[in-house]
Amino acid sequence: MKTVVLCSEVFFIRPCCVLTATICHVCWAAVLVACIVFFAAADCKATLNISADADARARVASGTSPDATLEIFGASVRKTFADDRGDRLILFALFESEKGFETSSDQSLHEIYAQLKGPLGAWNLTVGRFGLPWGLLPGFSARRLLYDTSHMRVLGMEVDSGVKLSGVRGPWDYGVSLTRGYGPRNTVDAGSNGIATGRIGITPGETEEFSLGLSGAWGRSINVHASHHGGLDHKDPDRALLRSVVGLDATLYLGRWLIRSEASAGEVDKRSIRTFFVAGDYALHANLDLNLSANLGRHDSENRNEWFAGLTGRLPWFILRGGYRYVGYGDARNQLTLQLYRLFSFTF
C-alpha cells in the first residue's frame, strides 16, 4: 500500500513540475515579444524606480545571549511601461540578504518577474519569482515587522517561481499560480516538487473598509527559513512536504484600528494542520501605533503559539519599532526586540 501511495504522488506531481516549466518557457517568450512591442511603441512612457531598505535589530531573549544584526538588507529595481490606459508592463527584481550577509544561502533574488497587465487590471500575467496568491500575502507581508504570520507553516514560503494569473473585476479580485515549490532558492533540480495556489477575494461597498478572501493550495514545497519562522519540519528544511490546505482571510478598518486575520486548515506532510493569525494596529497618534498579534498553530498534537505586543514610531529619518514576543516553544521563549528601519526610494 505504501508503494502505491508514493507512486501516485509522483505520478501526479512530476507532470505538474514539467507543465510548470513548459508554461514558464512559453510565457517568457510571450513576455519578451510584448517587451519588443512596448519598446517600439512611440506613445509608450517608461518610469524607473530604484529602492533600498535596511532592517537593523537588537534582541534580548531568554536562554540566549543578547545580539544585534542587520536582519534584512534589500535592493530593488522596477521598470514600468505605460500607455493612455495605464501600466501595461512591469519588470521587477528584488535582492535580499538576511542575517548580515553571514552566508550565501541567506542571499537571493527574492523576487524577479515580468508582469503583463490587461486593461484596468482585469487580468495580469506574471512570470518569474513572485508573491503567492494566498491569504493576506497579496497585500500584506510581515517580513520587516517584529512578528510572523502563519503562511510559512502552511505553504513553507511566501514567494516561488512559476506563472501566475491575477486581476480585479469590480469588487472581486483573484489570483492563481503554478510554481516549482522551492521559494527563492535557485535549485535547478525540481524533482517531484510543484504546488498550485489560488485565492479569490471580495471588497464590498464603496468605502473598501472590509475585505474577505478564500484560498487553497495543493502540491509539494519545501519549508524556506523553517528554523527562523517556526516551521514544522525544521530538522530537514530541504525536504518537500505534500500540502493540501484551504484558508480564509479578512481585513477590517474600524476607526483607528486596522485588523488583519487569517485561518487555515488541511494537511501538511499527511498530518492535520490548523493555524490562526490575527494582528491589530491602533493609531495612538499620527506617528505612533500600537501593534498586537497572535500566531497560533497546531500540527497533529504539536502546538506552536506566538504572541506579540509592541509600538511603532515614525520618525523623520527612520521607523523605530520595539516589542515583546512570547514564543510557546523552544528555548528563547521571552524576547525583547528593538528595530531601526529605513527605506530609500527614487523614481526617474
C-alpha atoms as a PDB file:
ATOM      1  CA  MET A   1       0.000   0.000   0.000  1.00  0.00           C
ATOM      2  CA  LYS A   2       2.825   2.406   0.828  1.00  0.00           C
ATOM      3  CA  THR A   3       4.431   1.890  -2.588  1.00  0.00           C
ATOM      4  CA  VAL A   4       1.141   2.643  -4.314  1.00  0.00           C
ATOM      5  CA  VAL A   5       0.722   5.906  -2.414  1.00  0.00           C
ATOM      6  CA  LEU A   6       4.240   7.105  -3.197  1.00  0.00           C
ATOM      7  CA  CYS A   7       3.861   6.239  -6.843  1.00  0.00           C
ATOM      8  CA  SER A   8       0.543   8.039  -7.068  1.00  0.00           C
ATOM      9  CA  GLU A   9       2.065  11.201  -5.606  1.00  0.00           C
ATOM     10  CA  VAL A  10       4.949  11.146  -8.074  1.00  0.00           C
ATOM     11  CA  PHE A  11       2.554  10.354 -10.911  1.00  0.00           C
ATOM     12  CA  PHE A  12       0.503  13.456 -10.249  1.00  0.00           C
ATOM     13  CA  ILE A  13       3.179  15.939  -9.137  1.00  0.00           C
ATOM     14  CA  ARG A  14       6.006  15.244 -11.613  1.00  0.00           C
ATOM     15  CA  PRO A  15       3.783  16.174 -14.594  1.00  0.00           C
ATOM     16  CA  CYS A  16       2.855  19.277 -12.601  1.00  0.00           C
ATOM     17  CA  CYS A  17       6.543  20.305 -12.488  1.00  0.00           C
ATOM     18  CA  VAL A  18       7.089  19.527 -16.178  1.00  0.00           C
ATOM     19  CA  LEU A  19       3.951  21.502 -17.036  1.00  0.00           C
ATOM     20  CA  THR A  20       5.137  24.409 -14.866  1.00  0.00           C
ATOM     21  CA  ALA A  21       8.499  24.553 -16.640  1.00  0.00           C
ATOM     22  CA  THR A  22       6.861  24.333 -20.086  1.00  0.00           C
ATOM     23  CA  ILE A  23       4.349  27.071 -19.294  1.00  0.00           C
ATOM     24  CA  CYS A  24       7.121  29.287 -17.906  1.00  0.00           C
ATOM     25  CA  HIS A  25       9.178  28.999 -21.103  1.00  0.00           C
ATOM     26  CA  VAL A  26       6.161  29.753 -23.297  1.00  0.00           C
ATOM     27  CA  CYS A  27       5.126  32.702 -21.146  1.00  0.00           C
ATOM     28  CA  TRP A  28       8.657  34.100 -21.017  1.00  0.00           C
ATOM     29  CA  ALA A  29       8.700  34.038 -24.816  1.00  0.00           C
ATOM     30  CA  ALA A  30       5.356  35.845 -24.895  1.00  0.00           C
ATOM     31  CA  VAL A  31       6.592  38.452 -22.420  1.00  0.00           C
ATOM     32  CA  LEU A  32       9.745  39.066 -24.486  1.00  0.00           C
ATOM     33  CA  VAL A  33       7.593  39.657 -27.564  1.00  0.00           C
ATOM     34  CA  ALA A  34       5.469  42.048 -25.524  1.00  0.00           C
ATOM     35  CA  CYS A  35       8.624  43.899 -24.433  1.00  0.00           C
ATOM     36  CA  ILE A  36       9.640  44.441 -28.048  1.00  0.00           C
ATOM     37  CA  VAL A  37       6.179  45.788 -28.831  1.00  0.00           C
ATOM     38  CA  PHE A  38       6.287  48.203 -25.923  1.00  0.00           C
ATOM     39  CA  PHE A  39       9.776  49.469 -26.728  1.00  0.00           C
ATOM     40  CA  ALA A  40       8.706  50.059 -30.313  1.00  0.00           C
ATOM     41  CA  ALA A  41       5.519  51.913 -29.364  1.00  0.00           C
ATOM     42  CA  ALA A  42       6.019  55.659 -29.852  1.00  0.00           C
ATOM     43  CA  ASP A  43       3.410  56.621 -27.255  1.00  0.00           C
ATOM     44  CA  CYS A  44       4.762  54.313 -24.555  1.00  0.00           C
ATOM     45  CA  LYS A  45       6.025  56.024 -21.389  1.00  0.00           C
ATOM     46  CA  ALA A  46       8.526  54.388 -19.076  1.00  0.00           C
ATOM     47  CA  THR A  47       9.480  55.034 -15.456  1.00  0.00           C
ATOM     48  CA  LEU A  48      12.272  53.560 -13.369  1.00  0.00           C
ATOM     49  CA  ASN A  49      12.162  53.105  -9.594  1.00  0.00           C
ATOM     50  CA  ILE A  50      15.206  52.151  -7.518  1.00  0.00           C
ATOM     51  CA  SER A  51      14.714  51.338  -3.836  1.00  0.00           C
ATOM     52  CA  ALA A  52      16.815  50.077  -0.946  1.00  0.00           C
ATOM     53  CA  ASP A  53      15.917  49.308   2.664  1.00  0.00           C
ATOM     54  CA  ALA A  54      17.675  48.111   5.806  1.00  0.00           C
ATOM     55  CA  ASP A  55      16.291  46.410   8.917  1.00  0.00           C
ATOM     56  CA  ALA A  56      18.679  46.528  11.903  1.00  0.00           C
ATOM     57  CA  ARG A  57      17.685  44.782  15.134  1.00  0.00           C
ATOM     58  CA  ALA A  58      18.900  44.271  18.682  1.00  0.00           C
ATOM     59  CA  ARG A  59      17.383  41.408  20.653  1.00  0.00           C
ATOM     60  CA  VAL A  60      17.459  40.047  24.165  1.00  0.00           C
ATOM     61  CA  ALA A  61      15.926  36.586  24.605  1.00  0.00           C
ATOM     62  CA  SER A  62      15.727  34.092  27.436  1.00  0.00           C
ATOM     63  CA  GLY A  63      18.193  31.229  27.104  1.00  0.00           C
ATOM     64  CA  THR A  64      20.413  33.082  24.602  1.00  0.00           C
ATOM     65  CA  SER A  65      22.972  35.885  24.587  1.00  0.00           C
ATOM     66  CA  PRO A  66      21.965  39.411  23.506  1.00  0.00           C
ATOM     67  CA  ASP A  67      22.674  40.064  19.849  1.00  0.00           C
ATOM     68  CA  ALA A  68      22.454  42.793  17.227  1.00  0.00           C
ATOM     69  CA  THR A  69      22.386  42.244  13.480  1.00  0.00           C
ATOM     70  CA  LEU A  70      21.378  43.636  10.138  1.00  0.00           C
ATOM     71  CA  GLU A  71      18.306  41.408   9.850  1.00  0.00           C
ATOM     72  CA  ILE A  72      17.479  42.201   6.232  1.00  0.00           C
ATOM     73  CA  PHE A  73      19.007  44.362   3.521  1.00  0.00           C
ATOM     74  CA  GLY A  74      17.006  44.758   0.325  1.00  0.00           C
ATOM     75  CA  ALA A  75      17.526  46.483  -3.024  1.00  0.00           C
ATOM     76  CA  SER A  76      15.001  46.541  -5.855  1.00  0.00           C
ATOM     77  CA  VAL A  77      14.598  47.849  -9.400  1.00  0.00           C
ATOM     78  CA  ARG A  78      11.212  48.340 -11.072  1.00  0.00           C
ATOM     79  CA  LYS A  79      10.772  49.337 -14.724  1.00  0.00           C
ATOM     80  CA  THR A  80       7.201  50.266 -15.683  1.00  0.00           C
ATOM     81  CA  PHE A  81       5.860  50.840 -19.182  1.00  0.00           C
ATOM     82  CA  ALA A  82       2.518  52.617 -19.529  1.00  0.00           C
ATOM     83  CA  ASP A  83       0.206  53.964 -22.206  1.00  0.00           C
ATOM     84  CA  ASP A  84      -3.010  56.002 -22.069  1.00  0.00           C
ATOM     85  CA  ARG A  85      -4.810  53.005 -20.486  1.00  0.00           C
ATOM     86  CA  GLY A  86      -2.397  52.764 -17.557  1.00  0.00           C
ATOM     87  CA  ASP A  87       0.507  50.452 -16.667  1.00  0.00           C
ATOM     88  CA  ARG A  88       0.974  47.721 -19.272  1.00  0.00           C
ATOM     89  CA  LEU A  89       4.266  46.020 -18.472  1.00  0.00           C
ATOM     90  CA  ILE A  90       6.286  45.786 -15.242  1.00  0.00           C
ATOM     91  CA  LEU A  91       9.786  44.342 -14.918  1.00  0.00           C
ATOM     92  CA  PHE A  92      10.847  43.876 -11.275  1.00  0.00           C
ATOM     93  CA  ALA A  93      13.819  42.467  -9.361  1.00  0.00           C
ATOM     94  CA  LEU A  94      14.394  42.385  -5.584  1.00  0.00           C
ATOM     95  CA  PHE A  95      17.672  41.271  -3.984  1.00  0.00           C
ATOM     96  CA  GLU A  96      17.668  40.448  -0.276  1.00  0.00           C
ATOM     97  CA  SER A  97      20.327  39.442   2.214  1.00  0.00           C
ATOM     98  CA  GLU A  98      19.393  38.156   5.659  1.00  0.00           C
ATOM     99  CA  LYS A  99      21.369  37.974   8.897  1.00  0.00           C
ATOM    100  CA  GLY A 100      24.024  40.479   7.870  1.00  0.00           C
ATOM    101  CA  PHE A 101      25.407  38.665   4.778  1.00  0.00           C
ATOM    102  CA  GLU A 102      26.576  35.786   7.003  1.00  0.00           C
ATOM    103  CA  THR A 103      26.185  33.002   4.429  1.00  0.00           C
ATOM    104  CA  SER A 104      25.451  32.787   0.726  1.00  0.00           C
ATOM    105  CA  SER A 105      22.272  30.804   1.462  1.00  0.00           C
ATOM    106  CA  ASP A 106      20.839  33.926   3.134  1.00  0.00           C
ATOM    107  CA  GLN A 107      21.306  35.976  -0.053  1.00  0.00           C
ATOM    108  CA  SER A 108      18.969  35.656  -3.004  1.00  0.00           C
ATOM    109  CA  LEU A 109      16.967  37.301  -5.728  1.00  0.00           C
ATOM    110  CA  HIS A 110      13.877  37.183  -3.570  1.00  0.00           C
ATOM    111  CA  GLU A 111      11.680  38.284  -6.465  1.00  0.00           C
ATOM    112  CA  ILE A 112      12.320  38.666 -10.176  1.00  0.00           C
ATOM    113  CA  TYR A 113       9.433  38.753 -12.607  1.00  0.00           C
ATOM    114  CA  ALA A 114       7.793  40.261 -15.650  1.00  0.00           C
ATOM    115  CA  GLN A 115       4.121  41.204 -15.441  1.00  0.00           C
ATOM    116  CA  LEU A 116       1.926  41.920 -18.437  1.00  0.00           C
ATOM    117  CA  LYS A 117      -1.150  43.911 -17.374  1.00  0.00           C
ATOM    118  CA  GLY A 118      -4.544  43.935 -19.044  1.00  0.00           C
ATOM    119  CA  PRO A 119      -6.908  46.925 -19.294  1.00  0.00           C
ATOM    120  CA  LEU A 120      -7.790  48.339 -15.847  1.00  0.00           C
ATOM    121  CA  GLY A 121      -6.120  45.357 -14.172  1.00  0.00           C
ATOM    122  CA  ALA A 122      -8.810  42.909 -15.300  1.00  0.00           C
ATOM    123  CA  TRP A 123      -6.055  40.369 -15.904  1.00  0.00           C
ATOM    124  CA  ASN A 124      -2.331  40.280 -15.158  1.00  0.00           C
ATOM    125  CA  LEU A 125       0.066  37.604 -16.374  1.00  0.00           C
ATOM    126  CA  THR A 126       3.171  37.270 -14.172  1.00  0.00           C
ATOM    127  CA  VAL A 127       6.132  35.040 -14.970  1.00  0.00           C
ATOM    128  CA  GLY A 128       9.196  34.574 -12.785  1.00  0.00           C
ATOM    129  CA  ARG A 129       9.548  34.589  -8.998  1.00  0.00           C
ATOM    130  CA  PHE A 130       6.680  36.413  -7.311  1.00  0.00           C
ATOM    131  CA  GLY A 131       4.455  36.575  -4.236  1.00  0.00           C
ATOM    132  CA  LEU A 132       2.000  33.701  -3.957  1.00  0.00           C
ATOM    133  CA  PRO A 133      -1.771  34.320  -4.131  1.00  0.00           C
ATOM    134  CA  TRP A 134      -2.594  33.102  -0.634  1.00  0.00           C
ATOM    135  CA  GLY A 135      -4.403  34.702   2.292  1.00  0.00           C
ATOM    136  CA  LEU A 136      -3.096  38.128   3.289  1.00  0.00           C
ATOM    137  CA  LEU A 137       0.040  37.858   1.110  1.00  0.00           C
ATOM    138  CA  PRO A 138      -1.275  39.816  -1.931  1.00  0.00           C
ATOM    139  CA  GLY A 139      -1.499  42.970   0.188  1.00  0.00           C
ATOM    140  CA  PHE A 140       0.493  42.376   3.378  1.00  0.00           C
ATOM    141  CA  SER A 141       3.867  40.992   4.453  1.00  0.00           C
ATOM    142  CA  ALA A 142       5.417  40.796   7.933  1.00  0.00           C
ATOM    143  CA  ARG A 143       8.999  40.297   6.726  1.00  0.00           C
ATOM    144  CA  ARG A 144      10.035  43.754   8.006  1.00  0.00           C
ATOM    145  CA  LEU A 145       7.903  43.514  11.161  1.00  0.00           C
ATOM    146  CA  LEU A 146       8.710  42.000  14.562  1.00  0.00           C
ATOM    147  CA  TYR A 147       6.242  39.119  14.355  1.00  0.00           C
ATOM    148  CA  ASP A 148       5.457  36.289  11.931  1.00  0.00           C
ATOM    149  CA  THR A 149       2.309  35.301  10.078  1.00  0.00           C
ATOM    150  CA  SER A 150       1.098  31.738   9.552  1.00  0.00           C
ATOM    151  CA  HIS A 151       1.753  31.230   5.829  1.00  0.00           C
ATOM    152  CA  MET A 152       5.283  29.868   6.422  1.00  0.00           C
ATOM    153  CA  ARG A 153       3.791  26.944   8.352  1.00  0.00           C
ATOM    154  CA  VAL A 154       1.084  26.376   5.764  1.00  0.00           C
ATOM    155  CA  LEU A 155       2.919  26.925   2.437  1.00  0.00           C
ATOM    156  CA  GLY A 156       6.562  26.878   3.574  1.00  0.00           C
ATOM    157  CA  MET A 157       7.281  30.125   1.660  1.00  0.00           C
ATOM    158  CA  GLU A 158       5.813  33.419   0.506  1.00  0.00           C
ATOM    159  CA  VAL A 159       7.408  33.659  -2.958  1.00  0.00           C
ATOM    160  CA  ASP A 160       8.018  30.998  -5.592  1.00  0.00           C
ATOM    161  CA  SER A 161       8.976  30.641  -9.256  1.00  0.00           C
ATOM    162  CA  GLY A 162       6.420  29.880 -11.957  1.00  0.00           C
ATOM    163  CA  VAL A 163       3.466  31.559 -13.610  1.00  0.00           C
ATOM    164  CA  LYS A 164       0.532  33.489 -12.126  1.00  0.00           C
ATOM    165  CA  LEU A 165      -2.724  34.872 -13.480  1.00  0.00           C
ATOM    166  CA  SER A 166      -4.396  37.560 -11.364  1.00  0.00           C
ATOM    167  CA  GLY A 167      -6.696  40.531 -11.665  1.00  0.00           C
ATOM    168  CA  VAL A 168      -9.547  42.669 -10.357  1.00  0.00           C
ATOM    169  CA  ARG A 169     -13.091  42.804 -11.688  1.00  0.00           C
ATOM    170  CA  GLY A 170     -15.414  45.115  -9.794  1.00  0.00           C
ATOM    171  CA  PRO A 171     -15.404  44.205  -6.094  1.00  0.00           C
ATOM    172  CA  TRP A 172     -13.764  40.840  -6.839  1.00  0.00           C
ATOM    173  CA  ASP A 173     -10.061  40.053  -7.055  1.00  0.00           C
ATOM    174  CA  TYR A 174      -8.452  36.732  -7.945  1.00  0.00           C
ATOM    175  CA  GLY A 175      -5.102  35.022  -8.349  1.00  0.00           C
ATOM    176  CA  VAL A 176      -3.972  31.531  -9.321  1.00  0.00           C
ATOM    177  CA  SER A 177      -0.411  30.269  -9.712  1.00  0.00           C
ATOM    178  CA  LEU A 178       1.514  27.151 -10.651  1.00  0.00           C
ATOM    179  CA  THR A 179       5.038  27.161  -9.185  1.00  0.00           C
ATOM    180  CA  ARG A 180       8.086  24.957  -8.512  1.00  0.00           C
ATOM    181  CA  GLY A 181       7.876  24.686  -4.724  1.00  0.00           C
ATOM    182  CA  TYR A 182      11.415  25.908  -3.888  1.00  0.00           C
ATOM    183  CA  GLY A 183      10.700  29.511  -2.921  1.00  0.00           C
ATOM    184  CA  PRO A 184      13.563  31.970  -3.543  1.00  0.00           C
ATOM    185  CA  ARG A 185      16.185  29.214  -3.746  1.00  0.00           C
ATOM    186  CA  ASN A 186      17.957  28.696  -7.066  1.00  0.00           C
ATOM    187  CA  THR A 187      17.519  24.919  -7.047  1.00  0.00           C
ATOM    188  CA  VAL A 188      17.793  23.524 -10.575  1.00  0.00           C
ATOM    189  CA  ASP A 189      16.508  20.019  -9.811  1.00  0.00           C
ATOM    190  CA  ALA A 190      12.808  20.425  -9.061  1.00  0.00           C
ATOM    191  CA  GLY A 191      12.395  16.673  -8.521  1.00  0.00           C
ATOM    192  CA  SER A 192       8.785  15.899  -7.689  1.00  0.00           C
ATOM    193  CA  ASN A 193       8.056  19.370  -6.323  1.00  0.00           C
ATOM    194  CA  GLY A 194       5.388  21.731  -7.589  1.00  0.00           C
ATOM    195  CA  ILE A 195       2.441  23.490  -5.961  1.00  0.00           C
ATOM    196  CA  ALA A 196      -0.758  25.112  -7.218  1.00  0.00           C
ATOM    197  CA  THR A 197      -2.072  28.068  -5.203  1.00  0.00           C
ATOM    198  CA  GLY A 198      -5.134  30.242  -5.630  1.00  0.00           C
ATOM    199  CA  ARG A 199      -7.175  32.939  -3.926  1.00  0.00           C
ATOM    200  CA  ILE A 200     -10.428  34.763  -4.622  1.00  0.00           C
ATOM    201  CA  GLY A 201     -11.416  37.835  -2.643  1.00  0.00           C
ATOM    202  CA  ILE A 202     -14.148  40.434  -2.383  1.00  0.00           C
ATOM    203  CA  THR A 203     -14.158  44.033  -1.133  1.00  0.00           C
ATOM    204  CA  PRO A 204     -17.838  45.008  -0.877  1.00  0.00           C
ATOM    205  CA  GLY A 205     -19.097  48.590  -0.684  1.00  0.00           C
ATOM    206  CA  GLU A 206     -17.546  51.858  -1.795  1.00  0.00           C
ATOM    207  CA  THR A 207     -15.549  52.623   1.354  1.00  0.00           C
ATOM    208  CA  GLU A 208     -13.362  49.487   0.991  1.00  0.00           C
ATOM    209  CA  GLU A 209     -13.161  49.166   4.772  1.00  0.00           C
ATOM    210  CA  PHE A 210     -13.642  45.392   4.728  1.00  0.00           C
ATOM    211  CA  SER A 211     -12.308  42.608   2.524  1.00  0.00           C
ATOM    212  CA  LEU A 212     -12.633  38.836   2.634  1.00  0.00           C
ATOM    213  CA  GLY A 213     -10.694  36.112   0.825  1.00  0.00           C
ATOM    214  CA  LEU A 214     -10.764  32.345   0.293  1.00  0.00           C
ATOM    215  CA  SER A 215      -7.535  30.478  -0.583  1.00  0.00           C
ATOM    216  CA  GLY A 216      -6.469  26.957  -1.481  1.00  0.00           C
ATOM    217  CA  ALA A 217      -3.193  25.165  -2.223  1.00  0.00           C
ATOM    218  CA  TRP A 218      -2.177  21.646  -3.258  1.00  0.00           C
ATOM    219  CA  GLY A 219       1.217  20.173  -4.094  1.00  0.00           C
ATOM    220  CA  ARG A 220       4.736  19.790  -2.722  1.00  0.00           C
ATOM    221  CA  SER A 221       7.014  22.551  -1.432  1.00  0.00           C
ATOM    222  CA  ILE A 222       9.898  22.899   0.997  1.00  0.00           C
ATOM    223  CA  ASN A 223       9.965  24.966   4.210  1.00  0.00           C
ATOM    224  CA  VAL A 224      12.087  28.011   3.413  1.00  0.00           C
ATOM    225  CA  HIS A 225      13.722  29.524   6.542  1.00  0.00           C
ATOM    226  CA  ALA A 226      11.843  26.951   8.630  1.00  0.00           C
ATOM    227  CA  SER A 227      14.015  27.366  11.713  1.00  0.00           C
ATOM    228  CA  HIS A 228      13.516  31.148  11.651  1.00  0.00           C
ATOM    229  CA  HIS A 229       9.740  31.092  11.328  1.00  0.00           C
ATOM    230  CA  GLY A 230       8.592  28.175  13.446  1.00  0.00           C
ATOM    231  CA  GLY A 231       8.435  25.730  10.562  1.00  0.00           C
ATOM    232  CA  LEU A 232       7.059  22.309  11.375  1.00  0.00           C
ATOM    233  CA  ASP A 233       9.866  20.384   9.651  1.00  0.00           C
ATOM    234  CA  HIS A 234      12.881  22.476  10.617  1.00  0.00           C
ATOM    235  CA  LYS A 235      15.144  19.438  11.128  1.00  0.00           C
ATOM    236  CA  ASP A 236      15.147  18.816   7.357  1.00  0.00           C
ATOM    237  CA  PRO A 237      14.207  22.106   5.647  1.00  0.00           C
ATOM    238  CA  ASP A 238      15.100  20.794   2.168  1.00  0.00           C
ATOM    239  CA  ARG A 239      12.515  18.013   2.296  1.00  0.00           C
ATOM    240  CA  ALA A 240       9.475  18.745   0.149  1.00  0.00           C
ATOM    241  CA  LEU A 241       6.200  18.300   2.020  1.00  0.00           C
ATOM    242  CA  LEU A 242       2.884  17.387   0.462  1.00  0.00           C
ATOM    243  CA  ARG A 243       0.331  20.104   1.234  1.00  0.00           C
ATOM    244  CA  SER A 244      -3.437  20.213   0.856  1.00  0.00           C
ATOM    245  CA  VAL A 245      -4.814  23.277   2.628  1.00  0.00           C
ATOM    246  CA  VAL A 246      -7.565  25.898   2.491  1.00  0.00           C
ATOM    247  CA  GLY A 247      -7.614  29.310   4.141  1.00  0.00           C
ATOM    248  CA  LEU A 248      -9.858  32.255   4.953  1.00  0.00           C
ATOM    249  CA  ASP A 249      -8.567  35.809   5.436  1.00  0.00           C
ATOM    250  CA  ALA A 250     -10.145  39.141   6.364  1.00  0.00           C
ATOM    251  CA  THR A 251      -9.018  42.771   6.633  1.00  0.00           C
ATOM    252  CA  LEU A 252     -11.042  45.367   8.530  1.00  0.00           C
ATOM    253  CA  TYR A 253     -10.622  49.124   9.034  1.00  0.00           C
ATOM    254  CA  LEU A 254     -12.520  50.072  12.181  1.00  0.00           C
ATOM    255  CA  GLY A 255     -11.972  53.626  13.365  1.00  0.00           C
ATOM    256  CA  ARG A 256      -8.341  53.838  14.485  1.00  0.00           C
ATOM    257  CA  TRP A 257      -7.943  50.054  14.224  1.00  0.00           C
ATOM    258  CA  LEU A 258      -6.576  48.101  11.287  1.00  0.00           C
ATOM    259  CA  ILE A 259      -7.219  44.390  11.876  1.00  0.00           C
ATOM    260  CA  ARG A 260      -5.953  41.521   9.741  1.00  0.00           C
ATOM    261  CA  SER A 261      -6.741  37.856  10.295  1.00  0.00           C
ATOM    262  CA  GLU A 262      -6.117  34.538   8.556  1.00  0.00           C
ATOM    263  CA  ALA A 263      -7.214  30.993   9.387  1.00  0.00           C
ATOM    264  CA  SER A 264      -6.267  27.787   7.570  1.00  0.00           C
ATOM    265  CA  ALA A 265      -6.779  24.056   7.852  1.00  0.00           C
ATOM    266  CA  GLY A 266      -5.828  20.914   5.966  1.00  0.00           C
ATOM    267  CA  GLU A 267      -2.896  18.516   5.777  1.00  0.00           C
ATOM    268  CA  VAL A 268       0.866  19.065   5.605  1.00  0.00           C
ATOM    269  CA  ASP A 269       3.097  16.010   5.307  1.00  0.00           C
ATOM    270  CA  LYS A 270      -0.030  13.813   5.656  1.00  0.00           C
ATOM    271  CA  ARG A 271      -0.721  15.267   9.109  1.00  0.00           C
ATOM    272  CA  SER A 272      -3.518  17.626  10.020  1.00  0.00           C
ATOM    273  CA  ILE A 273      -2.689  21.295  10.458  1.00  0.00           C
ATOM    274  CA  ARG A 274      -4.691  24.225  11.787  1.00  0.00           C
ATOM    275  CA  THR A 275      -3.416  27.791  12.044  1.00  0.00           C
ATOM    276  CA  PHE A 276      -4.837  31.145  13.076  1.00  0.00           C
ATOM    277  CA  PHE A 277      -3.220  34.564  12.775  1.00  0.00           C
ATOM    278  CA  VAL A 278      -4.581  37.948  13.850  1.00  0.00           C
ATOM    279  CA  ALA A 279      -2.850  41.328  14.013  1.00  0.00           C
ATOM    280  CA  GLY A 280      -4.191  44.699  15.078  1.00  0.00           C
ATOM    281  CA  ASP A 281      -2.653  48.155  14.649  1.00  0.00           C
ATOM    282  CA  TYR A 282      -4.153  51.018  16.662  1.00  0.00           C
ATOM    283  CA  ALA A 283      -3.248  54.633  15.847  1.00  0.00           C
ATOM    284  CA  LEU A 284      -2.330  56.228  19.172  1.00  0.00           C
ATOM    285  CA  HIS A 285      -1.013  59.330  17.415  1.00  0.00           C
ATOM    286  CA  ALA A 286      -0.312  60.480  13.874  1.00  0.00           C
ATOM    287  CA  ASN A 287       3.178  58.943  14.100  1.00  0.00           C
ATOM    288  CA  LEU A 288       2.715  56.298  16.801  1.00  0.00           C
ATOM    289  CA  ASP A 289       0.938  52.911  16.556  1.00  0.00           C
ATOM    290  CA  LEU A 290       0.208  50.115  18.995  1.00  0.00           C
ATOM    291  CA  ASN A 291       0.867  46.680  17.456  1.00  0.00           C
ATOM    292  CA  LEU A 292      -0.655  43.420  18.694  1.00  0.00           C
ATOM    293  CA  SER A 293      -0.562  39.951  17.109  1.00  0.00           C
ATOM    294  CA  ALA A 294      -1.168  36.266  17.769  1.00  0.00           C
ATOM    295  CA  ASN A 295       0.166  33.468  15.563  1.00  0.00           C
ATOM    296  CA  LEU A 296      -1.273  30.112  16.611  1.00  0.00           C
ATOM    297  CA  GLY A 297      -0.595  26.717  15.043  1.00  0.00           C
ATOM    298  CA  ARG A 298      -1.333  23.064  15.701  1.00  0.00           C
ATOM    299  CA  HIS A 299       0.225  20.223  13.679  1.00  0.00           C
ATOM    300  CA  ASP A 300      -1.338  16.955  14.879  1.00  0.00           C
ATOM    301  CA  SER A 301      -0.723  17.172  18.638  1.00  0.00           C
ATOM    302  CA  GLU A 302       2.095  19.746  18.429  1.00  0.00           C
ATOM    303  CA  ASN A 303       1.285  23.353  19.352  1.00  0.00           C
ATOM    304  CA  ARG A 304       3.358  26.333  18.185  1.00  0.00           C
ATOM    305  CA  ASN A 305       1.915  29.582  19.520  1.00  0.00           C
ATOM    306  CA  GLU A 306       3.401  33.082  19.413  1.00  0.00           C
ATOM    307  CA  TRP A 307       2.140  36.352  20.941  1.00  0.00           C
ATOM    308  CA  PHE A 308       3.403  39.887  20.337  1.00  0.00           C
ATOM    309  CA  ALA A 309       2.839  43.414  21.701  1.00  0.00           C
ATOM    310  CA  GLY A 310       4.821  46.475  20.643  1.00  0.00           C
ATOM    311  CA  LEU A 311       4.951  50.046  19.356  1.00  0.00           C
ATOM    312  CA  THR A 312       5.850  51.627  16.002  1.00  0.00           C
ATOM    313  CA  GLY A 313       7.100  55.203  15.813  1.00  0.00           C
ATOM    314  CA  ARG A 314       7.600  57.021  12.506  1.00  0.00           C
ATOM    315  CA  LEU A 315      10.494  59.438  12.996  1.00  0.00           C
ATOM    316  CA  PRO A 316      11.859  61.915  10.399  1.00  0.00           C
ATOM    317  CA  TRP A 317      14.713  59.676   9.213  1.00  0.00           C
ATOM    318  CA  PHE A 318      13.665  56.145  10.097  1.00  0.00           C
ATOM    319  CA  ILE A 319      10.995  53.942  11.638  1.00  0.00           C
ATOM    320  CA  LEU A 320      11.570  52.772  15.197  1.00  0.00           C
ATOM    321  CA  ARG A 321       9.866  49.586  16.409  1.00  0.00           C
ATOM    322  CA  GLY A 322      10.071  47.781  19.715  1.00  0.00           C
ATOM    323  CA  GLY A 323       8.146  44.965  21.323  1.00  0.00           C
ATOM    324  CA  TYR A 324       7.840  41.890  23.466  1.00  0.00           C
ATOM    325  CA  ARG A 325       7.250  38.480  21.891  1.00  0.00           C
ATOM    326  CA  TYR A 326       6.356  35.280  23.690  1.00  0.00           C
ATOM    327  CA  VAL A 327       7.124  32.042  21.828  1.00  0.00           C
ATOM    328  CA  GLY A 328       5.485  28.973  23.345  1.00  0.00           C
ATOM    329  CA  TYR A 329       8.157  26.533  22.122  1.00  0.00           C
ATOM    330  CA  GLY A 330      11.950  26.305  22.002  1.00  0.00           C
ATOM    331  CA  ASP A 331      14.435  27.907  24.379  1.00  0.00           C
ATOM    332  CA  ALA A 332      14.061  31.626  23.518  1.00  0.00           C
ATOM    333  CA  ARG A 333      10.502  31.967  24.826  1.00  0.00           C
ATOM    334  CA  ASN A 334      10.691  35.566  26.047  1.00  0.00           C
ATOM    335  CA  GLN A 335      12.056  38.040  23.501  1.00  0.00           C
ATOM    336  CA  LEU A 336      12.564  41.805  23.556  1.00  0.00           C
ATOM    337  CA  THR A 337      13.438  43.378  20.196  1.00  0.00           C
ATOM    338  CA  LEU A 338      14.331  46.894  19.054  1.00  0.00           C
ATOM    339  CA  GLN A 339      14.339  47.690  15.336  1.00  0.00           C
ATOM    340  CA  LEU A 340      15.564  50.588  13.211  1.00  0.00           C
ATOM    341  CA  TYR A 341      14.142  50.519   9.690  1.00  0.00           C
ATOM    342  CA  ARG A 342      14.837  52.835   6.761  1.00  0.00           C
ATOM    343  CA  LEU A 343      13.565  52.798   3.163  1.00  0.00           C
ATOM    344  CA  PHE A 344      15.070  54.845   0.318  1.00  0.00           C
ATOM    345  CA  SER A 345      13.119  55.144  -2.948  1.00  0.00           C
ATOM    346  CA  PHE A 346      13.906  57.120  -6.116  1.00  0.00           C
ATOM    347  CA  THR A 347      11.774  57.356  -9.278  1.00  0.00           C
ATOM    348  CA  PHE A 348      13.103  58.545 -12.630  1.00  0.00           C
END
